[in-house]
């Protein structure tokens, strides 16, 4: 998949907006007119705004981020520990690092298949 640049994203916004006013389109997307103007000029939006713009343009965010659409979703792993006086903070940190390392290894092995 070819990566779309932020400038290309801005051009796509301008193209789809056409002759419509920036305030009207910004309200439709759910962002401020100033934000829409900045993104049209190639500035990086925050993640929430980025999602709204991609939905409005009906484009895959991965096309801009350079993430292949066929990439399997990353497994969601989180680390939770009960607050317990027996478990030392250093031990909890070591366990968390071990779990995250295992996740990275799992993802690397699935990419090589």
C-alpha atoms as a PDB file:
ATOM      1  CA  UNK A   1       0.000   0.000   0.000  1.00  0.00           C
ATOM      2  CA  UNK A   2       1.327   3.406  -0.925  1.00  0.00           C
ATOM      3  CA  UNK A   3       1.616   5.769   1.990  1.00  0.00           C
ATOM      4  CA  UNK A   4      -0.351   9.015   1.670  1.00  0.00           C
ATOM      5  CA  UNK A   5       1.488  12.105   2.900  1.00  0.00           C
ATOM      6  CA  UNK A   6      -0.047  14.706   5.186  1.00  0.00           C
ATOM      7  CA  UNK A   7       0.066  17.142   2.286  1.00  0.00           C
ATOM      8  CA  UNK A   8      -1.911  14.653   0.175  1.00  0.00           C
ATOM      9  CA  UNK A   9      -4.404  14.308   3.042  1.00  0.00           C
ATOM     10  CA  UNK A  10      -4.806  18.087   3.009  1.00  0.00           C
ATOM     11  CA  UNK A  11      -5.332  18.065  -0.760  1.00  0.00           C
ATOM     12  CA  UNK A  12      -7.967  15.334  -0.403  1.00  0.00           C
ATOM     13  CA  UNK A  13      -9.785  17.477   2.162  1.00  0.00           C
ATOM     14  CA  UNK A  14      -9.707  20.526  -0.116  1.00  0.00           C
ATOM     15  CA  UNK A  15     -10.852  18.423  -3.074  1.00  0.00           C
ATOM     16  CA  UNK A  16     -13.793  16.836  -1.239  1.00  0.00           C
ATOM     17  CA  UNK A  17     -14.777  20.139   0.377  1.00  0.00           C
ATOM     18  CA  UNK A  18     -14.963  21.738  -3.065  1.00  0.00           C
ATOM     19  CA  UNK A  19     -16.864  25.026  -3.051  1.00  0.00           C
ATOM     20  CA  UNK A  20     -18.391  24.422   0.361  1.00  0.00           C
ATOM     21  CA  UNK A  21     -17.333  26.725   3.163  1.00  0.00           C
ATOM     22  CA  UNK A  22     -14.711  25.673   5.673  1.00  0.00           C
ATOM     23  CA  UNK A  23     -17.097  26.270   8.613  1.00  0.00           C
ATOM     24  CA  UNK A  24     -19.805  24.076   7.096  1.00  0.00           C
ATOM     25  CA  UNK A  25     -17.439  21.184   6.387  1.00  0.00           C
ATOM     26  CA  UNK A  26     -15.665  21.487   9.736  1.00  0.00           C
ATOM     27  CA  UNK A  27     -19.039  21.223  11.503  1.00  0.00           C
ATOM     28  CA  UNK A  28     -19.903  18.177   9.389  1.00  0.00           C
ATOM     29  CA  UNK A  29     -16.600  16.487  10.310  1.00  0.00           C
ATOM     30  CA  UNK A  30     -16.900  17.537  13.959  1.00  0.00           C
ATOM     31  CA  UNK A  31     -13.777  19.692  14.187  1.00  0.00           C
ATOM     32  CA  UNK A  32     -13.084  23.415  14.353  1.00  0.00           C
ATOM     33  CA  UNK A  33     -12.681  25.469  11.181  1.00  0.00           C
ATOM     34  CA  UNK A  34      -9.168  26.467  12.302  1.00  0.00           C
ATOM     35  CA  UNK A  35      -8.184  22.810  12.686  1.00  0.00           C
ATOM     36  CA  UNK A  36      -9.592  21.931   9.266  1.00  0.00           C
ATOM     37  CA  UNK A  37      -7.655  24.822   7.749  1.00  0.00           C
ATOM     38  CA  UNK A  38      -4.400  23.675   9.382  1.00  0.00           C
ATOM     39  CA  UNK A  39      -4.827  20.070   8.214  1.00  0.00           C
ATOM     40  CA  UNK A  40      -5.638  21.264   4.695  1.00  0.00           C
ATOM     41  CA  UNK A  41      -2.283  23.087   4.764  1.00  0.00           C
ATOM     42  CA  UNK A  42      -0.475  19.867   5.732  1.00  0.00           C
ATOM     43  CA  UNK A  43      -0.239  20.151   9.508  1.00  0.00           C
ATOM     44  CA  UNK A  44      -0.485  17.040  11.676  1.00  0.00           C
ATOM     45  CA  UNK A  45      -3.839  16.689  13.493  1.00  0.00           C
ATOM     46  CA  UNK A  46      -4.261  15.049  16.883  1.00  0.00           C
ATOM     47  CA  UNK A  47      -5.345  11.404  16.859  1.00  0.00           C
ATOM     48  CA  UNK A  48      -9.045  12.101  17.486  1.00  0.00           C
ATOM     49  CA  UNK A  49      -9.195  14.675  14.689  1.00  0.00           C
ATOM     50  CA  UNK A  50      -7.231  12.340  12.415  1.00  0.00           C
ATOM     51  CA  UNK A  51      -9.850   9.623  12.947  1.00  0.00           C
ATOM     52  CA  UNK A  52     -12.733  11.993  12.225  1.00  0.00           C
ATOM     53  CA  UNK A  53     -11.076  13.224   9.035  1.00  0.00           C
ATOM     54  CA  UNK A  54     -10.339   9.697   7.809  1.00  0.00           C
ATOM     55  CA  UNK A  55     -13.961   8.676   8.435  1.00  0.00           C
ATOM     56  CA  UNK A  56     -15.227  11.755   6.594  1.00  0.00           C
ATOM     57  CA  UNK A  57     -12.904  11.112   3.656  1.00  0.00           C
ATOM     58  CA  UNK A  58     -13.729   7.398   3.812  1.00  0.00           C
ATOM     59  CA  UNK A  59     -10.055   6.428   3.744  1.00  0.00           C
ATOM     60  CA  UNK A  60      -8.119   3.863   5.742  1.00  0.00           C
ATOM     61  CA  UNK A  61      -5.931   5.589   8.372  1.00  0.00           C
ATOM     62  CA  UNK A  62      -3.290   2.950   7.607  1.00  0.00           C
ATOM     63  CA  UNK A  63      -2.859   4.491   4.156  1.00  0.00           C
ATOM     64  CA  UNK A  64      -1.460   7.592   5.823  1.00  0.00           C
ATOM     65  CA  UNK A  65       0.367   5.848   8.638  1.00  0.00           C
ATOM     66  CA  UNK A  66       1.947   3.316   6.282  1.00  0.00           C
ATOM     67  CA  UNK A  67       0.349   0.294   7.960  1.00  0.00           C
ATOM     68  CA  UNK A  68      -0.646  -2.474   5.541  1.00  0.00           C
ATOM     69  CA  UNK A  69      -4.392  -3.152   5.563  1.00  0.00           C
ATOM     70  CA  UNK A  70      -3.711  -6.881   5.616  1.00  0.00           C
ATOM     71  CA  UNK A  71      -1.662  -6.705   8.811  1.00  0.00           C
ATOM     72  CA  UNK A  72      -3.263  -8.814  11.517  1.00  0.00           C
ATOM     73  CA  UNK A  73      -4.433  -6.818  14.489  1.00  0.00           C
ATOM     74  CA  UNK A  74      -1.906  -6.770  17.276  1.00  0.00           C
ATOM     75  CA  UNK A  75      -2.976  -8.842  20.231  1.00  0.00           C
ATOM     76  CA  UNK A  76      -4.144  -6.693  23.066  1.00  0.00           C
ATOM     77  CA  UNK A  77      -2.217  -7.472  26.186  1.00  0.00           C
ATOM     78  CA  UNK A  78      -2.322  -5.451  29.305  1.00  0.00           C
ATOM     79  CA  UNK A  79      -0.632  -5.943  32.605  1.00  0.00           C
ATOM     80  CA  UNK A  80      -2.643  -5.653  35.791  1.00  0.00           C
ATOM     81  CA  UNK A  81      -1.465  -6.438  39.291  1.00  0.00           C
ATOM     82  CA  UNK A  82      -3.500  -6.451  42.432  1.00  0.00           C
ATOM     83  CA  UNK A  83      -2.240  -4.008  44.941  1.00  0.00           C
ATOM     84  CA  UNK A  84      -0.628  -6.418  47.336  1.00  0.00           C
ATOM     85  CA  UNK A  85       1.896  -5.737  50.040  1.00  0.00           C
ATOM     86  CA  UNK A  86       3.683  -9.004  49.187  1.00  0.00           C
ATOM     87  CA  UNK A  87       4.561  -8.055  45.591  1.00  0.00           C
ATOM     88  CA  UNK A  88       7.465  -5.612  45.518  1.00  0.00           C
ATOM     89  CA  UNK A  89       7.316  -2.810  42.911  1.00  0.00           C
ATOM     90  CA  UNK A  90      10.573  -4.071  41.416  1.00  0.00           C
ATOM     91  CA  UNK A  91       9.041  -7.536  40.966  1.00  0.00           C
ATOM     92  CA  UNK A  92       5.902  -6.094  39.395  1.00  0.00           C
ATOM     93  CA  UNK A  93       8.011  -4.077  36.944  1.00  0.00           C
ATOM     94  CA  UNK A  94      10.087  -7.157  36.028  1.00  0.00           C
ATOM     95  CA  UNK A  95       6.928  -9.207  35.408  1.00  0.00           C
ATOM     96  CA  UNK A  96       5.437  -6.450  33.262  1.00  0.00           C
ATOM     97  CA  UNK A  97       8.628  -6.241  31.176  1.00  0.00           C
ATOM     98  CA  UNK A  98       8.646 -10.020  30.731  1.00  0.00           C
ATOM     99  CA  UNK A  99       5.027 -10.037  29.524  1.00  0.00           C
ATOM    100  CA  UNK A 100       5.664  -7.189  27.092  1.00  0.00           C
ATOM    101  CA  UNK A 101       8.809  -8.920  25.761  1.00  0.00           C
ATOM    102  CA  UNK A 102       6.767 -12.075  25.196  1.00  0.00           C
ATOM    103  CA  UNK A 103       4.191 -10.052  23.269  1.00  0.00           C
ATOM    104  CA  UNK A 104       6.908  -8.524  21.043  1.00  0.00           C
ATOM    105  CA  UNK A 105       8.361 -11.983  20.380  1.00  0.00           C
ATOM    106  CA  UNK A 106       4.923 -13.342  19.505  1.00  0.00           C
ATOM    107  CA  UNK A 107       4.284 -10.487  17.093  1.00  0.00           C
ATOM    108  CA  UNK A 108       7.725 -10.913  15.482  1.00  0.00           C
ATOM    109  CA  UNK A 109       7.186 -14.635  14.986  1.00  0.00           C
ATOM    110  CA  UNK A 110       3.740 -14.077  13.410  1.00  0.00           C
ATOM    111  CA  UNK A 111       5.254 -11.528  10.976  1.00  0.00           C
ATOM    112  CA  UNK A 112       7.834 -14.115   9.836  1.00  0.00           C
ATOM    113  CA  UNK A 113       5.191 -16.730   9.016  1.00  0.00           C
END
